[in-house]
Amino acid sequence: MIRIAVVIGSTRPGRRGDQVARWVHERAQKHAAAGAVTYELVDLAEVGLPLLDEPVPAAIGDYRHEHTRRWSELVASFDGFVFVTPEYNHAMPAALKNAIDYLFTEWNDKAAAFVSYGFTGGVRAAEQLRLTLAEVKVAGVRSQVALNVFTDFTITDMTEPGTFTPADHHLPVLERMLDELTAWAGALAPLRRREPVRS
């Protein structure tokens, strides 16, 4: 059984990412082969990590705080991730970068897929996220869902989240992306079974 986390990468009040993540989660569960893969929502707003406060580098694995140990256990339990990220100033949200930086070996030899959103589809945030995850040994799949705030949401007031109304063409891309993610997560399983090496 492959376990995939759908990670809500924004913690901003009034965010749009929770709607997107629920769509991903619902569609993924419908698309999943019976008994082969499960999906779980992980909301960074609920995880509630403070700005990185561990005195020892993550690669050492000597966690001093209970919130870090809880996050470590949660991330370690998954084989892959779908990161749902907005684009803030050409980049991923600080909360998402912070959550990644807390850990190291828990991310190693896993796979990731990306669903981004923003005025230009959030693609620059996803590209930055790919680079960050590569450093913690996460393999990113090629296919990606890029959602445009102007065409994939119904918004009458930009100060409000609006309603997520994705165009039909996103669904086959999402399903292809999930198939790639499942395949990569499965292919990397032998590496995850090795004893982790601490720096």
N, C-alpha and C. Protein backbone atom coordinates (compact mmCIF):
# COMPACT_ATOMS: atom_id res chain seq x y z
N MET A 1 0.83 -1.20 0.00
CA MET A 1 0.00 0.00 0.00
C MET A 1 0.87 1.25 0.00
N ILE A 2 0.69 2.10 -0.99
CA ILE A 2 1.41 3.36 -1.08
C ILE A 2 0.56 4.46 -0.43
N ARG A 3 1.18 5.24 0.46
CA ARG A 3 0.48 6.32 1.15
C ARG A 3 0.98 7.66 0.61
N ILE A 4 0.03 8.48 0.16
CA ILE A 4 0.34 9.78 -0.43
C ILE A 4 -0.32 10.87 0.40
N ALA A 5 0.45 11.89 0.74
CA ALA A 5 -0.10 13.06 1.44
C ALA A 5 -0.41 14.15 0.42
N VAL A 6 -1.59 14.75 0.53
CA VAL A 6 -1.93 15.94 -0.24
C VAL A 6 -1.71 17.11 0.70
N VAL A 7 -0.62 17.85 0.50
CA VAL A 7 -0.17 18.87 1.44
C VAL A 7 -0.71 20.24 1.03
N ILE A 8 -1.46 20.87 1.94
CA ILE A 8 -1.94 22.23 1.71
C ILE A 8 -0.81 23.18 2.12
N GLY A 9 -0.18 23.82 1.14
CA GLY A 9 1.05 24.55 1.38
C GLY A 9 0.88 25.98 1.86
N SER A 10 -0.35 26.49 1.88
CA SER A 10 -0.58 27.85 2.36
C SER A 10 -1.25 27.81 3.72
N THR A 11 -0.82 28.70 4.61
CA THR A 11 -1.45 28.83 5.92
C THR A 11 -2.18 30.17 6.05
N ARG A 12 -2.27 30.92 4.99
CA ARG A 12 -2.86 32.26 5.02
C ARG A 12 -4.36 32.20 5.29
N PRO A 13 -4.86 33.01 6.22
CA PRO A 13 -6.32 33.12 6.37
C PRO A 13 -6.95 33.59 5.05
N GLY A 14 -8.04 32.97 4.65
CA GLY A 14 -8.66 33.34 3.39
C GLY A 14 -7.99 32.72 2.18
N ARG A 15 -7.15 31.72 2.40
CA ARG A 15 -6.44 31.05 1.31
C ARG A 15 -7.42 30.33 0.37
N ARG A 16 -6.93 30.00 -0.81
CA ARG A 16 -7.70 29.23 -1.78
C ARG A 16 -7.25 27.78 -1.84
N GLY A 17 -6.09 27.48 -1.26
CA GLY A 17 -5.49 26.16 -1.38
C GLY A 17 -6.27 25.03 -0.77
N ASP A 18 -7.07 25.32 0.26
CA ASP A 18 -7.85 24.23 0.86
C ASP A 18 -8.89 23.71 -0.11
N GLN A 19 -9.49 24.59 -0.90
CA GLN A 19 -10.46 24.14 -1.92
C GLN A 19 -9.77 23.28 -2.98
N VAL A 20 -8.60 23.72 -3.41
CA VAL A 20 -7.85 22.98 -4.42
C VAL A 20 -7.46 21.61 -3.89
N ALA A 21 -6.96 21.57 -2.67
CA ALA A 21 -6.51 20.31 -2.07
C ALA A 21 -7.66 19.32 -1.90
N ARG A 22 -8.82 19.82 -1.53
CA ARG A 22 -9.99 18.92 -1.40
C ARG A 22 -10.37 18.33 -2.75
N TRP A 23 -10.27 19.13 -3.81
CA TRP A 23 -10.53 18.63 -5.17
C TRP A 23 -9.52 17.56 -5.55
N VAL A 24 -8.24 17.82 -5.29
CA VAL A 24 -7.19 16.84 -5.58
C VAL A 24 -7.46 15.55 -4.81
N HIS A 25 -7.73 15.67 -3.53
CA HIS A 25 -7.96 14.50 -2.67
C HIS A 25 -9.15 13.68 -3.15
N GLU A 26 -10.24 14.36 -3.44
CA GLU A 26 -11.46 13.66 -3.90
C GLU A 26 -11.21 12.95 -5.23
N ARG A 27 -10.61 13.65 -6.19
CA ARG A 27 -10.35 13.05 -7.49
C ARG A 27 -9.33 11.92 -7.39
N ALA A 28 -8.34 12.09 -6.53
CA ALA A 28 -7.32 11.05 -6.37
C ALA A 28 -7.92 9.78 -5.79
N GLN A 29 -8.80 9.92 -4.82
CA GLN A 29 -9.43 8.74 -4.23
C GLN A 29 -10.28 7.98 -5.26
N LYS A 30 -10.95 8.74 -6.13
CA LYS A 30 -11.76 8.10 -7.17
C LYS A 30 -10.89 7.42 -8.21
N HIS A 31 -9.74 7.99 -8.47
CA HIS A 31 -8.85 7.48 -9.52
C HIS A 31 -7.98 6.32 -9.04
N ALA A 32 -7.77 6.23 -7.74
CA ALA A 32 -6.82 5.25 -7.19
C ALA A 32 -7.27 3.82 -7.48
N ALA A 33 -6.29 2.97 -7.82
CA ALA A 33 -6.55 1.54 -7.95
C ALA A 33 -6.89 0.98 -6.58
N ALA A 34 -7.89 0.16 -6.52
CA ALA A 34 -8.37 -0.39 -5.24
C ALA A 34 -7.24 -1.10 -4.50
N GLY A 35 -6.99 -0.68 -3.27
CA GLY A 35 -6.01 -1.35 -2.42
C GLY A 35 -4.57 -1.03 -2.73
N ALA A 36 -4.30 -0.20 -3.76
CA ALA A 36 -2.91 0.05 -4.15
C ALA A 36 -2.36 1.33 -3.55
N VAL A 37 -3.20 2.33 -3.36
CA VAL A 37 -2.73 3.64 -2.89
C VAL A 37 -3.82 4.31 -2.08
N THR A 38 -3.41 5.04 -1.03
CA THR A 38 -4.34 5.85 -0.23
C THR A 38 -3.83 7.29 -0.20
N TYR A 39 -4.77 8.21 -0.03
CA TYR A 39 -4.45 9.64 0.00
C TYR A 39 -4.97 10.24 1.30
N GLU A 40 -4.19 11.15 1.88
CA GLU A 40 -4.57 11.81 3.12
C GLU A 40 -4.24 13.29 3.02
N LEU A 41 -5.17 14.14 3.46
CA LEU A 41 -4.93 15.57 3.49
C LEU A 41 -4.02 15.92 4.67
N VAL A 42 -3.02 16.76 4.41
CA VAL A 42 -2.15 17.28 5.46
C VAL A 42 -2.16 18.81 5.33
N ASP A 43 -2.67 19.48 6.35
CA ASP A 43 -2.84 20.92 6.32
C ASP A 43 -1.76 21.57 7.20
N LEU A 44 -0.86 22.32 6.59
CA LEU A 44 0.21 22.95 7.36
C LEU A 44 -0.33 23.93 8.39
N ALA A 45 -1.50 24.49 8.14
CA ALA A 45 -2.10 25.38 9.13
C ALA A 45 -2.46 24.62 10.41
N GLU A 46 -2.88 23.36 10.25
CA GLU A 46 -3.20 22.54 11.41
C GLU A 46 -1.94 21.97 12.06
N VAL A 47 -0.93 21.67 11.26
CA VAL A 47 0.35 21.18 11.81
C VAL A 47 0.94 22.24 12.73
N GLY A 48 0.88 23.50 12.33
CA GLY A 48 1.24 24.62 13.20
C GLY A 48 2.70 24.72 13.59
N LEU A 49 3.60 24.49 12.66
CA LEU A 49 5.02 24.60 12.98
C LEU A 49 5.43 26.07 13.17
N PRO A 50 6.20 26.37 14.22
CA PRO A 50 6.76 27.73 14.31
C PRO A 50 7.90 27.89 13.31
N LEU A 51 8.40 29.11 13.17
CA LEU A 51 9.59 29.31 12.35
C LEU A 51 10.70 28.43 12.91
N LEU A 52 11.42 27.76 12.00
CA LEU A 52 12.38 26.73 12.38
C LEU A 52 13.17 27.09 13.64
N ASP A 53 13.02 26.24 14.66
CA ASP A 53 13.62 26.54 15.96
C ASP A 53 14.43 25.38 16.52
N GLU A 54 14.85 24.46 15.65
CA GLU A 54 15.69 23.35 16.10
C GLU A 54 17.16 23.80 16.13
N PRO A 55 17.89 23.58 17.22
CA PRO A 55 19.27 24.04 17.32
C PRO A 55 20.28 23.19 16.54
N VAL A 56 19.88 21.97 16.15
CA VAL A 56 20.77 21.06 15.44
C VAL A 56 20.27 20.90 14.00
N PRO A 57 21.16 20.86 13.00
CA PRO A 57 20.71 20.69 11.61
C PRO A 57 19.83 19.46 11.43
N ALA A 58 18.85 19.58 10.55
CA ALA A 58 17.87 18.50 10.34
C ALA A 58 18.52 17.18 9.94
N ALA A 59 19.61 17.23 9.18
CA ALA A 59 20.25 16.01 8.71
C ALA A 59 20.81 15.16 9.85
N ILE A 60 21.03 15.78 11.02
CA ILE A 60 21.51 15.04 12.19
C ILE A 60 20.38 14.21 12.80
N GLY A 61 19.16 14.73 12.73
CA GLY A 61 18.01 14.00 13.25
C GLY A 61 17.85 14.04 14.75
N ASP A 62 18.51 14.98 15.42
CA ASP A 62 18.43 15.10 16.87
C ASP A 62 17.42 16.18 17.23
N TYR A 63 16.14 15.80 17.18
CA TYR A 63 15.07 16.78 17.36
C TYR A 63 14.83 17.07 18.84
N ARG A 64 14.77 18.35 19.18
CA ARG A 64 14.61 18.75 20.58
C ARG A 64 13.18 19.11 20.94
N HIS A 65 12.35 19.37 19.94
CA HIS A 65 11.00 19.88 20.21
C HIS A 65 9.93 18.87 19.81
N GLU A 66 8.86 18.84 20.60
CA GLU A 66 7.78 17.90 20.36
C GLU A 66 7.10 18.16 19.02
N HIS A 67 6.95 19.44 18.63
CA HIS A 67 6.30 19.72 17.34
C HIS A 67 7.13 19.16 16.19
N THR A 68 8.45 19.16 16.32
CA THR A 68 9.30 18.58 15.28
C THR A 68 9.15 17.07 15.23
N ARG A 69 9.11 16.45 16.39
CA ARG A 69 8.96 14.99 16.43
C ARG A 69 7.62 14.56 15.85
N ARG A 70 6.56 15.32 16.12
CA ARG A 70 5.25 14.99 15.53
C ARG A 70 5.30 15.13 14.01
N TRP A 71 5.90 16.20 13.52
CA TRP A 71 6.03 16.43 12.08
C TRP A 71 6.88 15.34 11.43
N SER A 72 7.95 14.97 12.10
CA SER A 72 8.83 13.90 11.61
C SER A 72 8.06 12.60 11.44
N GLU A 73 7.30 12.25 12.44
CA GLU A 73 6.53 11.00 12.39
C GLU A 73 5.50 11.03 11.26
N LEU A 74 4.85 12.18 11.09
CA LEU A 74 3.83 12.29 10.04
C LEU A 74 4.46 12.17 8.66
N VAL A 75 5.51 12.92 8.39
CA VAL A 75 6.15 12.89 7.07
C VAL A 75 6.73 11.51 6.78
N ALA A 76 7.33 10.90 7.80
CA ALA A 76 7.95 9.58 7.62
C ALA A 76 6.92 8.52 7.23
N SER A 77 5.66 8.74 7.57
CA SER A 77 4.63 7.72 7.32
C SER A 77 4.17 7.67 5.87
N PHE A 78 4.60 8.64 5.05
CA PHE A 78 4.14 8.71 3.66
C PHE A 78 5.23 8.27 2.68
N ASP A 79 4.77 7.78 1.53
CA ASP A 79 5.67 7.37 0.45
C ASP A 79 5.81 8.43 -0.63
N GLY A 80 4.90 9.37 -0.66
CA GLY A 80 4.92 10.42 -1.66
C GLY A 80 4.01 11.56 -1.26
N PHE A 81 4.07 12.63 -2.04
CA PHE A 81 3.37 13.86 -1.68
C PHE A 81 2.83 14.56 -2.92
N VAL A 82 1.64 15.12 -2.79
CA VAL A 82 1.14 16.10 -3.75
C VAL A 82 1.16 17.44 -3.03
N PHE A 83 2.02 18.34 -3.47
CA PHE A 83 2.11 19.66 -2.85
C PHE A 83 1.18 20.62 -3.58
N VAL A 84 0.22 21.17 -2.85
CA VAL A 84 -0.69 22.18 -3.39
C VAL A 84 -0.16 23.53 -2.94
N THR A 85 0.37 24.30 -3.89
CA THR A 85 1.06 25.53 -3.52
C THR A 85 0.59 26.73 -4.32
N PRO A 86 0.36 27.86 -3.66
CA PRO A 86 0.18 29.11 -4.38
C PRO A 86 1.54 29.70 -4.73
N GLU A 87 1.51 30.76 -5.50
CA GLU A 87 2.74 31.50 -5.80
C GLU A 87 2.66 32.86 -5.13
N TYR A 88 3.61 33.12 -4.24
CA TYR A 88 3.73 34.41 -3.58
C TYR A 88 5.03 35.06 -4.04
N ASN A 89 4.95 36.15 -4.79
CA ASN A 89 6.14 36.87 -5.23
C ASN A 89 7.16 35.95 -5.92
N HIS A 90 6.66 35.18 -6.88
CA HIS A 90 7.48 34.27 -7.69
C HIS A 90 8.00 33.08 -6.90
N ALA A 91 7.43 32.76 -5.75
CA ALA A 91 7.99 31.71 -4.91
C ALA A 91 6.90 30.97 -4.15
N MET A 92 7.30 29.85 -3.53
CA MET A 92 6.39 29.12 -2.66
C MET A 92 6.19 29.88 -1.37
N PRO A 93 5.12 29.58 -0.62
CA PRO A 93 4.91 30.24 0.67
C PRO A 93 6.03 29.91 1.66
N ALA A 94 6.33 30.86 2.52
CA ALA A 94 7.36 30.66 3.53
C ALA A 94 7.02 29.49 4.45
N ALA A 95 5.74 29.30 4.74
CA ALA A 95 5.33 28.20 5.64
C ALA A 95 5.68 26.84 5.04
N LEU A 96 5.58 26.71 3.73
CA LEU A 96 5.90 25.44 3.07
C LEU A 96 7.40 25.20 3.08
N LYS A 97 8.19 26.22 2.76
CA LYS A 97 9.65 26.08 2.81
C LYS A 97 10.10 25.74 4.23
N ASN A 98 9.51 26.40 5.21
CA ASN A 98 9.84 26.15 6.61
C ASN A 98 9.55 24.69 6.99
N ALA A 99 8.41 24.18 6.56
CA ALA A 99 8.04 22.79 6.89
C ALA A 99 9.01 21.79 6.28
N ILE A 100 9.48 22.06 5.08
CA ILE A 100 10.46 21.18 4.44
C ILE A 100 11.77 21.23 5.20
N ASP A 101 12.20 22.44 5.58
CA ASP A 101 13.50 22.62 6.22
C ASP A 101 13.61 21.95 7.59
N TYR A 102 12.51 21.67 8.23
CA TYR A 102 12.52 21.04 9.54
C TYR A 102 13.14 19.64 9.52
N LEU A 103 13.04 18.94 8.38
CA LEU A 103 13.40 17.52 8.32
C LEU A 103 14.38 17.26 7.18
N PHE A 104 14.96 16.06 7.21
CA PHE A 104 15.81 15.65 6.09
C PHE A 104 15.55 14.19 5.71
N THR A 105 15.97 13.24 6.53
CA THR A 105 15.86 11.83 6.12
C THR A 105 14.41 11.41 5.93
N GLU A 106 13.48 12.05 6.60
CA GLU A 106 12.06 11.69 6.46
C GLU A 106 11.55 11.95 5.04
N TRP A 107 12.20 12.87 4.33
CA TRP A 107 11.83 13.16 2.94
C TRP A 107 12.53 12.25 1.94
N ASN A 108 13.65 11.67 2.33
CA ASN A 108 14.54 10.99 1.38
C ASN A 108 13.86 9.85 0.62
N ASP A 109 14.19 9.77 -0.68
CA ASP A 109 13.80 8.65 -1.54
C ASP A 109 12.29 8.50 -1.66
N LYS A 110 11.63 9.64 -1.70
CA LYS A 110 10.18 9.66 -1.93
C LYS A 110 9.89 10.46 -3.18
N ALA A 111 8.64 10.48 -3.59
CA ALA A 111 8.25 11.16 -4.83
C ALA A 111 7.28 12.29 -4.53
N ALA A 112 7.26 13.27 -5.41
CA ALA A 112 6.38 14.42 -5.23
C ALA A 112 5.76 14.83 -6.55
N ALA A 113 4.54 15.35 -6.45
CA ALA A 113 3.84 15.95 -7.58
C ALA A 113 3.37 17.33 -7.14
N PHE A 114 2.98 18.16 -8.12
CA PHE A 114 2.74 19.57 -7.83
C PHE A 114 1.45 20.06 -8.47
N VAL A 115 0.62 20.69 -7.64
CA VAL A 115 -0.57 21.39 -8.11
C VAL A 115 -0.39 22.83 -7.64
N SER A 116 -0.20 23.74 -8.59
CA SER A 116 0.08 25.13 -8.25
C SER A 116 -1.05 26.03 -8.74
N TYR A 117 -1.13 27.20 -8.10
CA TYR A 117 -2.15 28.16 -8.54
C TYR A 117 -1.65 29.57 -8.30
N GLY A 118 -2.14 30.48 -9.13
CA GLY A 118 -1.75 31.88 -9.02
C GLY A 118 -2.15 32.63 -10.28
N PHE A 119 -1.73 33.88 -10.38
CA PHE A 119 -2.07 34.71 -11.54
C PHE A 119 -1.49 34.14 -12.82
N THR A 120 -0.36 33.45 -12.73
CA THR A 120 0.25 32.81 -13.89
C THR A 120 0.34 31.30 -13.69
N GLY A 121 -0.60 30.75 -12.95
CA GLY A 121 -0.65 29.30 -12.74
C GLY A 121 0.24 28.79 -11.63
N GLY A 122 0.98 29.68 -10.98
CA GLY A 122 1.84 29.27 -9.87
C GLY A 122 3.05 28.46 -10.29
N VAL A 123 3.41 28.49 -11.57
CA VAL A 123 4.47 27.61 -12.06
C VAL A 123 5.84 27.96 -11.50
N ARG A 124 6.07 29.24 -11.18
CA ARG A 124 7.38 29.61 -10.64
C ARG A 124 7.54 29.09 -9.21
N ALA A 125 6.45 29.07 -8.46
CA ALA A 125 6.49 28.49 -7.12
C ALA A 125 6.81 27.01 -7.18
N ALA A 126 6.19 26.32 -8.13
CA ALA A 126 6.43 24.88 -8.27
C ALA A 126 7.86 24.60 -8.70
N GLU A 127 8.41 25.43 -9.58
CA GLU A 127 9.80 25.23 -10.00
C GLU A 127 10.75 25.42 -8.83
N GLN A 128 10.49 26.43 -8.01
CA GLN A 128 11.33 26.63 -6.82
C GLN A 128 11.19 25.46 -5.86
N LEU A 129 9.98 24.97 -5.72
CA LEU A 129 9.72 23.83 -4.84
C LEU A 129 10.45 22.58 -5.31
N ARG A 130 10.49 22.38 -6.62
CA ARG A 130 11.24 21.23 -7.17
C ARG A 130 12.72 21.28 -6.76
N LEU A 131 13.31 22.47 -6.84
CA LEU A 131 14.73 22.62 -6.49
C LEU A 131 14.97 22.33 -5.01
N THR A 132 14.10 22.83 -4.16
CA THR A 132 14.23 22.60 -2.72
C THR A 132 14.09 21.12 -2.39
N LEU A 133 13.10 20.47 -2.98
CA LEU A 133 12.87 19.06 -2.69
C LEU A 133 13.98 18.17 -3.22
N ALA A 134 14.59 18.55 -4.33
CA ALA A 134 15.70 17.76 -4.86
C ALA A 134 16.83 17.68 -3.84
N GLU A 135 17.03 18.74 -3.07
CA GLU A 135 18.12 18.76 -2.09
C GLU A 135 17.84 17.81 -0.92
N VAL A 136 16.57 17.51 -0.65
CA VAL A 136 16.24 16.54 0.41
C VAL A 136 15.89 15.17 -0.19
N LYS A 137 16.34 14.96 -1.43
CA LYS A 137 16.25 13.67 -2.11
C LYS A 137 14.81 13.22 -2.38
N VAL A 138 14.00 14.17 -2.82
CA VAL A 138 12.64 13.87 -3.27
C VAL A 138 12.61 13.99 -4.79
N ALA A 139 12.08 12.97 -5.45
CA ALA A 139 11.99 12.96 -6.92
C ALA A 139 10.66 13.58 -7.35
N GLY A 140 10.74 14.64 -8.14
CA GLY A 140 9.53 15.29 -8.64
C GLY A 140 9.12 14.71 -9.99
N VAL A 141 7.83 14.42 -10.16
CA VAL A 141 7.34 13.90 -11.44
C VAL A 141 7.15 15.05 -12.43
N ARG A 142 7.13 14.72 -13.70
CA ARG A 142 7.09 15.75 -14.74
C ARG A 142 5.74 16.45 -14.82
N SER A 143 4.66 15.67 -14.88
CA SER A 143 3.33 16.27 -15.09
C SER A 143 2.95 17.14 -13.90
N GLN A 144 2.26 18.24 -14.19
CA GLN A 144 1.91 19.20 -13.15
C GLN A 144 0.61 19.88 -13.52
N VAL A 145 -0.22 20.14 -12.51
CA VAL A 145 -1.46 20.90 -12.71
C VAL A 145 -1.18 22.35 -12.33
N ALA A 146 -1.41 23.27 -13.27
CA ALA A 146 -1.19 24.70 -13.04
C ALA A 146 -2.53 25.42 -13.20
N LEU A 147 -3.02 25.96 -12.12
CA LEU A 147 -4.35 26.58 -12.08
C LEU A 147 -4.25 28.10 -12.06
N ASN A 148 -5.09 28.74 -12.85
CA ASN A 148 -5.07 30.19 -12.97
C ASN A 148 -6.18 30.79 -12.12
N VAL A 149 -5.82 31.76 -11.29
CA VAL A 149 -6.80 32.39 -10.41
C VAL A 149 -7.95 33.01 -11.21
N PHE A 150 -7.67 33.50 -12.42
CA PHE A 150 -8.69 34.20 -13.20
C PHE A 150 -9.62 33.26 -13.96
N THR A 151 -9.17 32.04 -14.26
CA THR A 151 -9.99 31.14 -15.07
C THR A 151 -10.45 29.88 -14.34
N ASP A 152 -9.80 29.54 -13.24
CA ASP A 152 -10.14 28.31 -12.52
C ASP A 152 -10.81 28.57 -11.17
N PHE A 153 -11.10 29.82 -10.90
CA PHE A 153 -11.85 30.22 -9.71
C PHE A 153 -12.93 31.21 -10.14
N THR A 154 -14.05 31.19 -9.44
CA THR A 154 -15.07 32.22 -9.62
C THR A 154 -14.91 33.20 -8.47
N ILE A 155 -14.41 34.39 -8.80
CA ILE A 155 -14.09 35.38 -7.78
C ILE A 155 -14.75 36.70 -8.15
N THR A 156 -15.57 37.21 -7.26
CA THR A 156 -16.20 38.51 -7.47
C THR A 156 -15.54 39.60 -6.63
N ASP A 157 -14.79 39.18 -5.62
CA ASP A 157 -14.09 40.12 -4.73
C ASP A 157 -12.72 39.52 -4.43
N MET A 158 -11.65 40.16 -4.87
CA MET A 158 -10.31 39.59 -4.73
C MET A 158 -9.86 39.49 -3.27
N THR A 159 -10.58 40.14 -2.36
CA THR A 159 -10.25 39.99 -0.95
C THR A 159 -10.85 38.72 -0.34
N GLU A 160 -11.66 38.01 -1.13
CA GLU A 160 -12.29 36.76 -0.68
C GLU A 160 -11.74 35.59 -1.48
N PRO A 161 -11.81 34.37 -0.91
CA PRO A 161 -11.27 33.20 -1.63
C PRO A 161 -11.98 32.87 -2.93
N GLY A 162 -13.27 33.18 -3.00
CA GLY A 162 -14.04 32.78 -4.17
C GLY A 162 -14.32 31.29 -4.14
N THR A 163 -14.73 30.76 -5.29
CA THR A 163 -15.08 29.34 -5.40
C THR A 163 -14.21 28.69 -6.47
N PHE A 164 -13.64 27.56 -6.13
CA PHE A 164 -12.79 26.83 -7.08
C PHE A 164 -13.65 26.16 -8.13
N THR A 165 -13.44 26.51 -9.38
CA THR A 165 -14.21 25.98 -10.51
C THR A 165 -13.23 25.58 -11.62
N PRO A 166 -12.52 24.47 -11.43
CA PRO A 166 -11.46 24.11 -12.39
C PRO A 166 -12.00 23.77 -13.76
N ALA A 167 -11.27 24.18 -14.78
CA ALA A 167 -11.62 23.82 -16.15
C ALA A 167 -11.49 22.31 -16.34
N ASP A 168 -12.27 21.78 -17.24
CA ASP A 168 -12.32 20.33 -17.46
C ASP A 168 -10.98 19.74 -17.87
N HIS A 169 -10.17 20.52 -18.59
CA HIS A 169 -8.92 19.97 -19.12
C HIS A 169 -7.90 19.64 -18.01
N HIS A 170 -8.12 20.11 -16.78
CA HIS A 170 -7.17 19.82 -15.69
C HIS A 170 -7.27 18.38 -15.19
N LEU A 171 -8.46 17.77 -15.32
CA LEU A 171 -8.64 16.44 -14.73
C LEU A 171 -7.74 15.37 -15.36
N PRO A 172 -7.67 15.24 -16.70
CA PRO A 172 -6.76 14.23 -17.25
C PRO A 172 -5.30 14.48 -16.89
N VAL A 173 -4.91 15.76 -16.77
CA VAL A 173 -3.54 16.06 -16.36
C VAL A 173 -3.32 15.61 -14.92
N LEU A 174 -4.30 15.89 -14.07
CA LEU A 174 -4.20 15.45 -12.67
C LEU A 174 -4.07 13.94 -12.59
N GLU A 175 -4.88 13.21 -13.33
CA GLU A 175 -4.85 11.75 -13.27
C GLU A 175 -3.51 11.21 -13.80
N ARG A 176 -2.99 11.80 -14.87
CA ARG A 176 -1.69 11.39 -15.38
C ARG A 176 -0.60 11.66 -14.35
N MET A 177 -0.67 12.81 -13.71
CA MET A 177 0.29 13.16 -12.68
C MET A 177 0.23 12.18 -11.52
N LEU A 178 -0.96 11.81 -11.08
CA LEU A 178 -1.11 10.85 -9.98
C LEU A 178 -0.56 9.48 -10.35
N ASP A 179 -0.76 9.07 -11.60
CA ASP A 179 -0.21 7.78 -12.06
C ASP A 179 1.33 7.82 -12.02
N GLU A 180 1.91 8.93 -12.46
CA GLU A 180 3.37 9.08 -12.41
C GLU A 180 3.86 9.05 -10.97
N LEU A 181 3.15 9.74 -10.10
CA LEU A 181 3.54 9.80 -8.69
C LEU A 181 3.50 8.42 -8.04
N THR A 182 2.44 7.69 -8.29
CA THR A 182 2.32 6.35 -7.72
C THR A 182 3.43 5.43 -8.23
N ALA A 183 3.72 5.53 -9.52
CA ALA A 183 4.77 4.70 -10.10
C ALA A 183 6.13 5.01 -9.50
N TRP A 184 6.44 6.30 -9.37
CA TRP A 184 7.73 6.70 -8.79
C TRP A 184 7.82 6.33 -7.31
N ALA A 185 6.75 6.54 -6.58
CA ALA A 185 6.75 6.18 -5.15
C ALA A 185 7.00 4.69 -4.98
N GLY A 186 6.40 3.88 -5.85
CA GLY A 186 6.62 2.44 -5.80
C GLY A 186 8.03 2.05 -6.19
N ALA A 187 8.55 2.71 -7.23
CA ALA A 187 9.89 2.38 -7.71
C ALA A 187 10.97 2.72 -6.69
N LEU A 188 10.72 3.75 -5.87
CA LEU A 188 11.70 4.18 -4.87
C LEU A 188 11.61 3.40 -3.56
N ALA A 189 10.62 2.54 -3.44
CA ALA A 189 10.41 1.80 -2.19
C ALA A 189 11.65 1.04 -1.71
N PRO A 190 12.41 0.36 -2.60
CA PRO A 190 13.61 -0.35 -2.10
C PRO A 190 14.62 0.59 -1.44
N LEU A 191 14.73 1.82 -1.93
CA LEU A 191 15.65 2.77 -1.32
C LEU A 191 15.17 3.22 0.05
N ARG A 192 13.86 3.33 0.21
CA ARG A 192 13.32 3.74 1.51
C ARG A 192 13.50 2.66 2.57
N ARG A 193 13.65 1.43 2.15
CA ARG A 193 13.81 0.34 3.11
C ARG A 193 15.23 0.23 3.66
N ARG A 194 16.17 0.96 3.05
CA ARG A 194 17.54 0.96 3.54
C ARG A 194 17.62 1.70 4.87
N GLU A 195 18.63 1.37 5.67
CA GLU A 195 18.88 2.09 6.91
C GLU A 195 19.31 3.51 6.58
N PRO A 196 18.64 4.56 7.13
CA PRO A 196 19.03 5.93 6.80
C PRO A 196 20.42 6.26 7.30
N VAL A 197 21.13 7.08 6.54
CA VAL A 197 22.47 7.51 6.90
C VAL A 197 22.37 8.95 7.39
N ARG A 198 22.79 9.21 8.62
CA ARG A 198 22.75 10.56 9.17
C ARG A 198 24.06 11.28 8.87
N SER A 199 23.95 12.54 8.47
CA SER A 199 25.15 13.32 8.17
C SER A 199 25.87 13.71 9.45
